[in-house]
Amino acid sequence: MEKTKAAKSTPVKPVAKKAAKKNAQKATAASGKATGVAKKATATTKKAAAASKKAAPAKTVAKKAAPAKTVAKKAAPAKTAASKKAAPARTVAKKADPAQAAPKKAIVESHAALVRRARRINRELAEVYPYAHPELDFENPFQLVIATVLSAQTTDLRVNQTTPGLFAKYPTPEDLAAANPEEVEEILRPTGFFRAKTKSVIGLSKALAEDFGGEVPGRLEDLVKLPGVGRKTAFVVLGNAFGRPGITVDTHFGRLVRRWQWTDETDPDKVEAAVGALFPKSEWTMLSHHVIFHGRRICHARKPACGACPIAPLCPAYGEGETDPEKARKLLKYEKGGFPGQRLNPPQSYLDAGGIPAPPLGAG
């Protein structure tokens, strides 16, 4: 019986074989599909490779375009060369004006340092202008006070050319006080504002004749009471006719002391007080002459001759004007530039220094 059972069970084997075959066929089919997918992937890869190969020339073209950039880079040295060649000109300009920006900067210094610098400037100017003097012709206090009043709004030269005719006809205060205004106006016409000036000098002369016995007073408080006489005129007369110290704050004086940063005041009385505090009283009159001479000859208002200035190292405004020495020398005036001065009859010391007398009215 056992053999029979075993014999009956043998037919199972063919079934297993069939299943195995089916499984093998399925596996083969699956592998075939996988192979197909792989082939498709390979084809896709080949297509991508082909596409990339076709796209490669564009990259190559881009690479070929790169030399254009290289050309631009090569062109850069030309600019560099031009800038290098232009650089020395800029450097020279900076060297020519080392203190060009200095005028815009205020000096920070103590009062003691300011006093030392101011006094040193005055000493330097005294060496440059040992012949400094009032640039109005006069022979006595009366002539000086009249000439100073007439110098308002005109030049000393024009006054000096006009006063000889005036004093020849009216030599004393009494004479001028009794003068015909129309005749005086005609004489003073070249000085400008001749009607107002005629009224001032006639009124001044009357005051001298009536209140001071025909003599010019030697005190500040008396002088400023005279018609047309202010502190500036009074100090000119006191300092140069009576030998009494005074600071003359005219246009040149006020301009220069502000340029040198001695003071920033603009009112003449305040300028006088501020500058007077920096110097001994005995130096006031000559200080005024030194500063005014320098303002007229070198330190001009519009274009100072910085390159020919003897006090340039002490000046905070150096560089405002011409710094080239040769060009600056061409800006010098009066005896410094070899031209006539403002006085028809200057002091001998001025003539000895090379000064040339001014021509009379109508000459040349």
Protein backbone atom coordinates (compact mmCIF):
# COMPACT_ATOMS: atom_id res chain seq x y z
CA MET A 1 0.00 0.00 0.00
CA GLU A 2 2.79 2.38 0.74
CA LYS A 3 4.26 1.90 -2.70
CA THR A 4 0.93 2.63 -4.23
CA LYS A 5 0.64 5.90 -2.29
CA ALA A 6 4.09 6.88 -3.37
CA ALA A 7 3.24 6.07 -6.95
CA LYS A 8 0.17 8.18 -6.74
CA SER A 9 2.12 11.17 -5.42
CA THR A 10 4.61 11.25 -8.27
CA PRO A 11 2.33 13.11 -10.68
CA VAL A 12 2.83 16.21 -8.58
CA LYS A 13 6.29 16.76 -10.08
CA PRO A 14 5.10 17.76 -13.61
CA VAL A 15 2.88 20.42 -12.07
CA ALA A 16 5.85 21.91 -10.27
CA LYS A 17 7.79 21.93 -13.47
CA LYS A 18 5.02 23.78 -15.24
CA ALA A 19 4.91 26.37 -12.45
CA ALA A 20 8.62 26.75 -12.60
CA LYS A 21 8.44 27.26 -16.33
CA LYS A 22 5.76 29.85 -15.94
CA ASN A 23 7.78 31.62 -13.30
CA ALA A 24 10.83 31.53 -15.52
CA GLN A 25 8.84 32.91 -18.42
CA LYS A 26 7.51 35.70 -16.21
CA ALA A 27 11.03 36.48 -15.03
CA THR A 28 12.26 36.48 -18.62
CA ALA A 29 9.47 38.79 -19.61
CA ALA A 30 10.24 41.05 -16.68
CA SER A 31 13.89 41.05 -17.55
CA GLY A 32 12.92 41.77 -21.13
CA LYS A 33 10.88 44.70 -20.02
CA ALA A 34 13.72 45.87 -17.83
CA THR A 35 16.03 45.48 -20.75
CA GLY A 36 13.62 47.52 -22.85
CA VAL A 37 13.49 50.21 -20.21
CA ALA A 38 17.24 50.16 -19.99
CA LYS A 39 17.46 50.41 -23.75
CA LYS A 40 15.04 53.32 -23.70
CA ALA A 41 17.10 54.96 -20.96
CA THR A 42 20.20 54.34 -22.98
CA ALA A 43 18.54 55.89 -26.01
CA THR A 44 17.48 58.86 -23.93
CA THR A 45 21.02 59.17 -22.64
CA LYS A 46 22.35 59.00 -26.20
CA LYS A 47 19.85 61.67 -27.26
CA ALA A 48 20.91 63.88 -24.35
CA ALA A 49 24.52 63.31 -25.26
CA ALA A 50 23.77 64.21 -28.85
CA ALA A 51 21.95 67.30 -27.70
CA SER A 52 24.83 68.25 -25.47
CA LYS A 53 27.23 67.77 -28.34
CA LYS A 54 25.08 70.01 -30.51
CA ALA A 55 24.94 72.60 -27.71
CA ALA A 56 28.70 72.45 -27.23
CA PRO A 57 29.48 74.68 -30.21
CA ALA A 58 27.46 77.44 -28.57
CA LYS A 59 29.78 77.19 -25.60
CA THR A 60 32.68 77.19 -27.94
CA VAL A 61 31.29 80.30 -29.59
CA ALA A 62 30.95 81.86 -26.19
CA LYS A 63 34.54 80.95 -25.51
CA LYS A 64 35.50 82.49 -28.80
CA ALA A 65 33.64 85.63 -27.78
CA ALA A 66 35.80 85.81 -24.66
CA PRO A 67 38.74 87.36 -26.51
CA ALA A 68 36.58 90.47 -27.00
CA LYS A 69 36.70 90.88 -23.23
CA THR A 70 40.36 90.24 -23.39
CA VAL A 71 40.66 93.01 -25.96
CA ALA A 72 38.84 95.34 -23.61
CA LYS A 73 41.27 94.40 -20.89
CA LYS A 74 44.12 95.06 -23.25
CA ALA A 75 42.68 98.49 -23.96
CA ALA A 76 42.74 99.31 -20.23
CA PRO A 77 46.52 99.89 -20.13
CA ALA A 78 46.04 102.77 -22.58
CA LYS A 79 43.84 104.52 -20.00
CA THR A 80 46.30 103.68 -17.30
CA ALA A 81 49.12 105.10 -19.35
CA ALA A 82 47.14 108.26 -19.99
CA SER A 83 46.32 108.62 -16.31
CA LYS A 84 49.93 107.98 -15.38
CA LYS A 85 51.08 110.60 -17.86
CA ALA A 86 48.49 113.09 -16.54
CA ALA A 87 49.38 112.43 -12.91
CA PRO A 88 52.54 114.58 -12.79
CA ALA A 89 50.55 117.69 -13.80
CA ARG A 90 48.26 117.23 -10.80
CA THR A 91 51.19 116.63 -8.54
CA VAL A 92 52.90 119.79 -9.75
CA ALA A 93 49.74 121.81 -9.09
CA LYS A 94 49.63 120.53 -5.52
CA LYS A 95 53.29 121.32 -4.98
CA ALA A 96 52.86 124.81 -6.41
CA ASP A 97 50.19 125.72 -3.84
CA PRO A 98 50.95 123.76 -0.65
CA ALA A 99 48.73 126.00 1.43
CA GLN A 100 45.87 126.49 -1.00
CA ALA A 101 43.32 125.25 1.52
CA ALA A 102 44.86 127.17 4.42
CA PRO A 103 42.74 130.33 4.03
CA LYS A 104 39.59 128.33 4.79
CA LYS A 105 40.95 127.15 8.15
CA ALA A 106 41.05 129.36 11.19
CA ILE A 107 44.18 129.32 13.32
CA VAL A 108 43.62 127.99 16.82
CA GLU A 109 46.09 129.79 19.06
CA SER A 110 46.23 131.22 22.54
CA HIS A 111 46.16 134.96 23.13
CA ALA A 112 49.87 134.86 23.96
CA ALA A 113 50.62 133.07 20.68
CA LEU A 114 48.53 135.63 18.78
CA VAL A 115 50.45 138.50 20.39
CA ARG A 116 53.79 136.91 19.45
CA ARG A 117 52.71 136.31 15.85
CA ALA A 118 51.23 139.79 15.43
CA ARG A 119 54.32 141.51 16.81
CA ARG A 120 56.60 139.41 14.66
CA ILE A 121 54.59 140.42 11.57
CA ASN A 122 55.01 144.07 12.52
CA ARG A 123 58.77 143.62 12.96
CA GLU A 124 59.03 141.94 9.56
CA LEU A 125 57.04 144.73 7.92
CA ALA A 126 59.23 147.36 9.60
CA GLU A 127 62.23 145.83 7.84
CA VAL A 128 60.44 145.79 4.51
CA TYR A 129 59.07 149.35 4.83
CA PRO A 130 61.52 151.33 6.97
CA TYR A 131 60.39 154.44 5.07
CA ALA A 132 56.64 153.95 5.79
CA HIS A 133 54.84 157.28 6.19
CA PRO A 134 51.42 158.91 5.70
CA GLU A 135 50.82 159.08 1.98
CA LEU A 136 49.20 162.51 2.06
CA ASP A 137 51.27 165.60 1.30
CA PHE A 138 51.16 168.16 4.14
CA GLU A 139 53.35 170.82 5.74
CA ASN A 140 51.38 171.50 8.93
CA PRO A 141 48.49 170.06 11.00
CA PHE A 142 45.90 172.19 9.18
CA GLN A 143 46.91 170.84 5.78
CA LEU A 144 46.95 167.27 7.13
CA VAL A 145 43.48 167.44 8.66
CA ILE A 146 42.01 168.96 5.47
CA ALA A 147 43.76 166.41 3.23
CA THR A 148 42.58 163.52 5.42
CA VAL A 149 38.96 164.69 5.24
CA LEU A 150 39.25 164.98 1.46
CA SER A 151 40.69 161.44 1.14
CA ALA A 152 37.32 159.82 1.83
CA GLN A 153 36.01 157.90 -1.20
CA THR A 154 39.07 158.67 -3.32
CA THR A 155 42.80 157.97 -3.54
CA ASP A 156 45.57 159.76 -1.70
CA LEU A 157 47.10 160.47 -5.10
CA ARG A 158 44.04 162.40 -6.24
CA VAL A 159 44.02 164.38 -2.99
CA ASN A 160 47.72 165.16 -3.29
CA GLN A 161 47.17 166.41 -6.83
CA THR A 162 44.29 168.65 -5.68
CA THR A 163 45.46 170.20 -2.39
CA PRO A 164 48.33 172.28 -3.83
CA GLY A 165 45.80 174.52 -5.61
CA LEU A 166 43.53 174.62 -2.55
CA PHE A 167 46.25 175.59 -0.07
CA ALA A 168 47.81 178.10 -2.46
CA LYS A 169 44.52 180.00 -2.50
CA TYR A 170 43.45 179.33 1.11
CA PRO A 171 46.57 178.81 3.26
CA THR A 172 44.94 179.26 6.71
CA PRO A 173 41.72 178.15 8.42
CA GLU A 174 40.50 181.74 8.39
CA ASP A 175 41.00 181.98 4.62
CA LEU A 176 39.14 178.77 3.91
CA ALA A 177 36.37 179.64 6.36
CA ALA A 178 35.65 182.81 4.38
CA ALA A 179 35.92 181.18 0.94
CA ASN A 180 33.23 181.18 -1.71
CA PRO A 181 31.77 177.60 -1.69
CA GLU A 182 31.42 177.54 -5.48
CA GLU A 183 35.09 178.32 -5.96
CA VAL A 184 36.09 175.64 -3.46
CA GLU A 185 33.79 173.14 -5.17
CA GLU A 186 35.50 173.77 -8.48
CA ILE A 187 38.92 173.08 -6.94
CA LEU A 188 37.75 169.92 -5.16
CA ARG A 189 35.79 168.51 -8.10
CA PRO A 190 38.53 165.91 -9.01
CA THR A 191 38.23 164.28 -5.57
CA GLY A 192 34.58 163.32 -6.02
CA PHE A 193 31.65 164.20 -3.72
CA PHE A 194 33.02 167.74 -4.01
CA ARG A 195 29.90 169.51 -2.70
CA ALA A 196 29.78 167.51 0.53
CA LYS A 197 33.55 167.85 0.94
CA THR A 198 33.38 171.59 0.35
CA LYS A 199 30.80 171.91 3.10
CA SER A 200 32.98 169.82 5.46
CA VAL A 201 36.27 171.69 4.94
CA ILE A 202 34.65 175.13 5.15
CA GLY A 203 32.76 174.12 8.30
CA LEU A 204 35.92 172.59 9.79
CA SER A 205 37.88 175.76 9.05
CA LYS A 206 35.20 177.92 10.68
CA ALA A 207 35.28 175.73 13.80
CA LEU A 208 39.07 176.02 13.98
CA ALA A 209 38.95 179.80 13.53
CA GLU A 210 36.14 180.39 16.01
CA ASP A 211 36.72 177.70 18.68
CA PHE A 212 40.45 176.99 18.62
CA GLY A 213 42.05 180.27 17.55
CA GLY A 214 42.88 179.04 14.08
CA GLU A 215 44.94 176.14 15.46
CA VAL A 216 44.34 172.41 15.09
CA PRO A 217 43.80 170.92 18.57
CA GLY A 218 46.10 168.13 19.72
CA ARG A 219 43.51 166.15 21.70
CA LEU A 220 41.29 163.36 20.42
CA GLU A 221 38.17 164.64 22.18
CA ASP A 222 38.58 168.06 20.49
CA LEU A 223 39.39 166.76 17.04
CA VAL A 224 36.32 164.53 16.78
CA LYS A 225 34.11 167.59 17.40
CA LEU A 226 35.23 169.15 14.13
CA PRO A 227 32.92 168.73 11.06
CA GLY A 228 33.95 165.72 8.97
CA VAL A 229 36.52 164.48 11.53
CA GLY A 230 36.10 160.97 12.98
CA ARG A 231 38.43 158.79 15.02
CA LYS A 232 40.36 157.63 11.95
CA THR A 233 41.09 161.18 10.81
CA ALA A 234 41.86 162.24 14.37
CA PHE A 235 44.44 159.47 14.81
CA VAL A 236 46.08 160.32 11.50
CA VAL A 237 46.52 163.91 12.69
CA LEU A 238 47.57 163.01 16.23
CA GLY A 239 50.09 160.41 15.11
CA ASN A 240 51.67 162.30 12.22
CA ALA A 241 51.30 165.97 13.15
CA PHE A 242 51.66 165.75 16.94
CA GLY A 243 53.60 162.52 17.48
CA ARG A 244 50.87 161.04 19.68
CA PRO A 245 50.23 157.31 19.15
CA GLY A 246 47.10 156.23 17.38
CA ILE A 247 45.82 153.38 15.21
CA THR A 248 44.40 154.36 11.83
CA VAL A 249 41.72 151.85 10.84
CA ASP A 250 41.22 152.55 7.16
CA THR A 251 40.04 150.08 4.51
CA HIS A 252 43.47 148.49 4.09
CA PHE A 253 44.16 148.18 7.81
CA GLY A 254 40.82 146.55 8.61
CA ARG A 255 41.11 144.15 5.66
CA LEU A 256 44.60 142.95 6.52
CA VAL A 257 44.15 142.46 10.27
CA ARG A 258 41.11 140.29 9.53
CA ARG A 259 43.05 138.38 6.86
CA TRP A 260 45.83 137.76 9.38
CA GLN A 261 43.22 136.72 11.97
CA TRP A 262 44.26 139.33 14.51
CA THR A 263 40.54 140.02 14.92
CA ASP A 264 37.25 139.22 13.22
CA GLU A 265 35.67 142.56 14.10
CA THR A 266 34.41 144.79 11.30
CA ASP A 267 33.48 147.93 13.22
CA PRO A 268 36.48 150.32 13.05
CA ASP A 269 36.30 151.22 16.73
CA LYS A 270 36.25 147.55 17.76
CA VAL A 271 39.10 146.76 15.34
CA GLU A 272 41.10 149.60 16.87
CA ALA A 273 40.54 148.27 20.39
CA ALA A 274 41.30 144.63 19.49
CA VAL A 275 44.51 145.39 17.59
CA GLY A 276 45.63 148.04 20.09
CA ALA A 277 45.56 145.37 22.81
CA LEU A 278 48.18 143.34 20.91
CA PHE A 279 50.85 146.06 20.76
CA PRO A 280 52.48 148.64 23.02
CA LYS A 281 50.91 152.05 22.58
CA SER A 282 54.21 153.48 21.37
CA GLU A 283 54.03 151.26 18.24
CA TRP A 284 50.51 152.17 17.16
CA THR A 285 51.30 154.93 14.65
CA MET A 286 54.06 153.09 12.79
CA LEU A 287 52.08 149.85 12.94
CA SER A 288 49.33 151.63 11.02
CA HIS A 289 51.80 152.80 8.36
CA HIS A 290 53.36 149.35 8.01
CA VAL A 291 50.01 147.60 7.57
CA ILE A 292 48.63 150.21 5.15
CA PHE A 293 51.82 150.20 3.07
CA HIS A 294 51.71 146.41 2.84
CA GLY A 295 48.04 146.44 1.85
CA ARG A 296 48.69 148.89 -0.97
CA ARG A 297 51.83 147.27 -2.33
CA ILE A 298 51.60 143.50 -1.84
CA CYS A 299 48.55 142.25 0.05
CA HIS A 300 45.91 143.53 -2.36
CA ALA A 301 42.21 143.01 -1.78
CA ARG A 302 41.36 141.06 -4.93
CA LYS A 303 44.62 139.35 -5.83
CA PRO A 304 47.31 139.46 -3.15
CA ALA A 305 50.86 138.76 -4.30
CA CYS A 306 51.39 135.82 -1.94
CA GLY A 307 54.46 134.56 -3.81
CA ALA A 308 56.28 137.87 -3.17
CA CYS A 309 55.08 138.39 0.40
CA PRO A 310 57.78 138.64 3.10
CA ILE A 311 55.44 137.46 5.85
CA ALA A 312 53.96 134.48 3.97
CA PRO A 313 55.09 131.93 6.63
CA LEU A 314 53.18 133.88 9.28
CA CYS A 315 50.01 134.45 7.23
CA PRO A 316 47.02 132.11 7.67
CA ALA A 317 45.62 133.37 4.36
CA TYR A 318 48.62 132.35 2.25
CA GLY A 319 47.35 130.92 -1.02
CA GLU A 320 44.40 133.27 -1.49
CA GLY A 321 46.43 135.10 -4.13
CA GLU A 322 49.14 134.33 -6.68
CA THR A 323 51.80 132.04 -5.18
CA ASP A 324 54.11 131.77 -8.17
CA PRO A 325 57.01 134.13 -7.37
CA GLU A 326 57.44 135.43 -10.92
CA LYS A 327 53.74 136.08 -11.43
CA ALA A 328 53.41 137.57 -7.95
CA ARG A 329 56.21 140.10 -8.59
CA LYS A 330 54.22 141.47 -11.51
CA LEU A 331 51.41 142.36 -9.10
CA LEU A 332 53.55 144.62 -6.89
CA LYS A 333 52.63 148.30 -6.80
CA TYR A 334 54.34 151.63 -6.21
CA GLU A 335 58.05 151.46 -5.37
CA LYS A 336 57.92 147.65 -5.03
CA GLY A 337 56.78 147.42 -8.64
CA GLY A 338 58.91 150.33 -9.85
CA PHE A 339 55.95 152.68 -10.30
CA PRO A 340 55.31 156.21 -9.00
CA GLY A 341 53.93 156.57 -5.50
CA GLN A 342 51.02 158.69 -4.29
CA ARG A 343 52.87 161.69 -2.90
CA LEU A 344 54.11 164.57 -5.02
CA ASN A 345 56.56 165.44 -2.23
CA PRO A 346 57.47 162.17 -0.48
CA PRO A 347 60.02 161.93 2.37
CA GLN A 348 63.66 161.61 1.43
CA SER A 349 63.81 158.12 2.97
CA TYR A 350 61.18 156.99 0.46
CA LEU A 351 63.17 158.43 -2.43
CA ASP A 352 66.34 156.77 -1.13
CA ALA A 353 64.52 153.43 -1.16
CA GLY A 354 63.69 153.79 -4.84
CA GLY A 355 60.35 155.51 -4.53
CA ILE A 356 59.24 157.74 -7.38
CA PRO A 357 57.20 160.95 -6.77
CA ALA A 358 53.67 161.05 -8.18
CA PRO A 359 53.05 163.39 -11.11
CA PRO A 360 51.04 166.62 -10.55
CA LEU A 361 47.44 166.93 -11.67
CA GLY A 362 47.12 166.86 -15.46
CA ALA A 363 50.69 165.67 -16.08
CA GLY A 364 51.32 162.83 -18.49
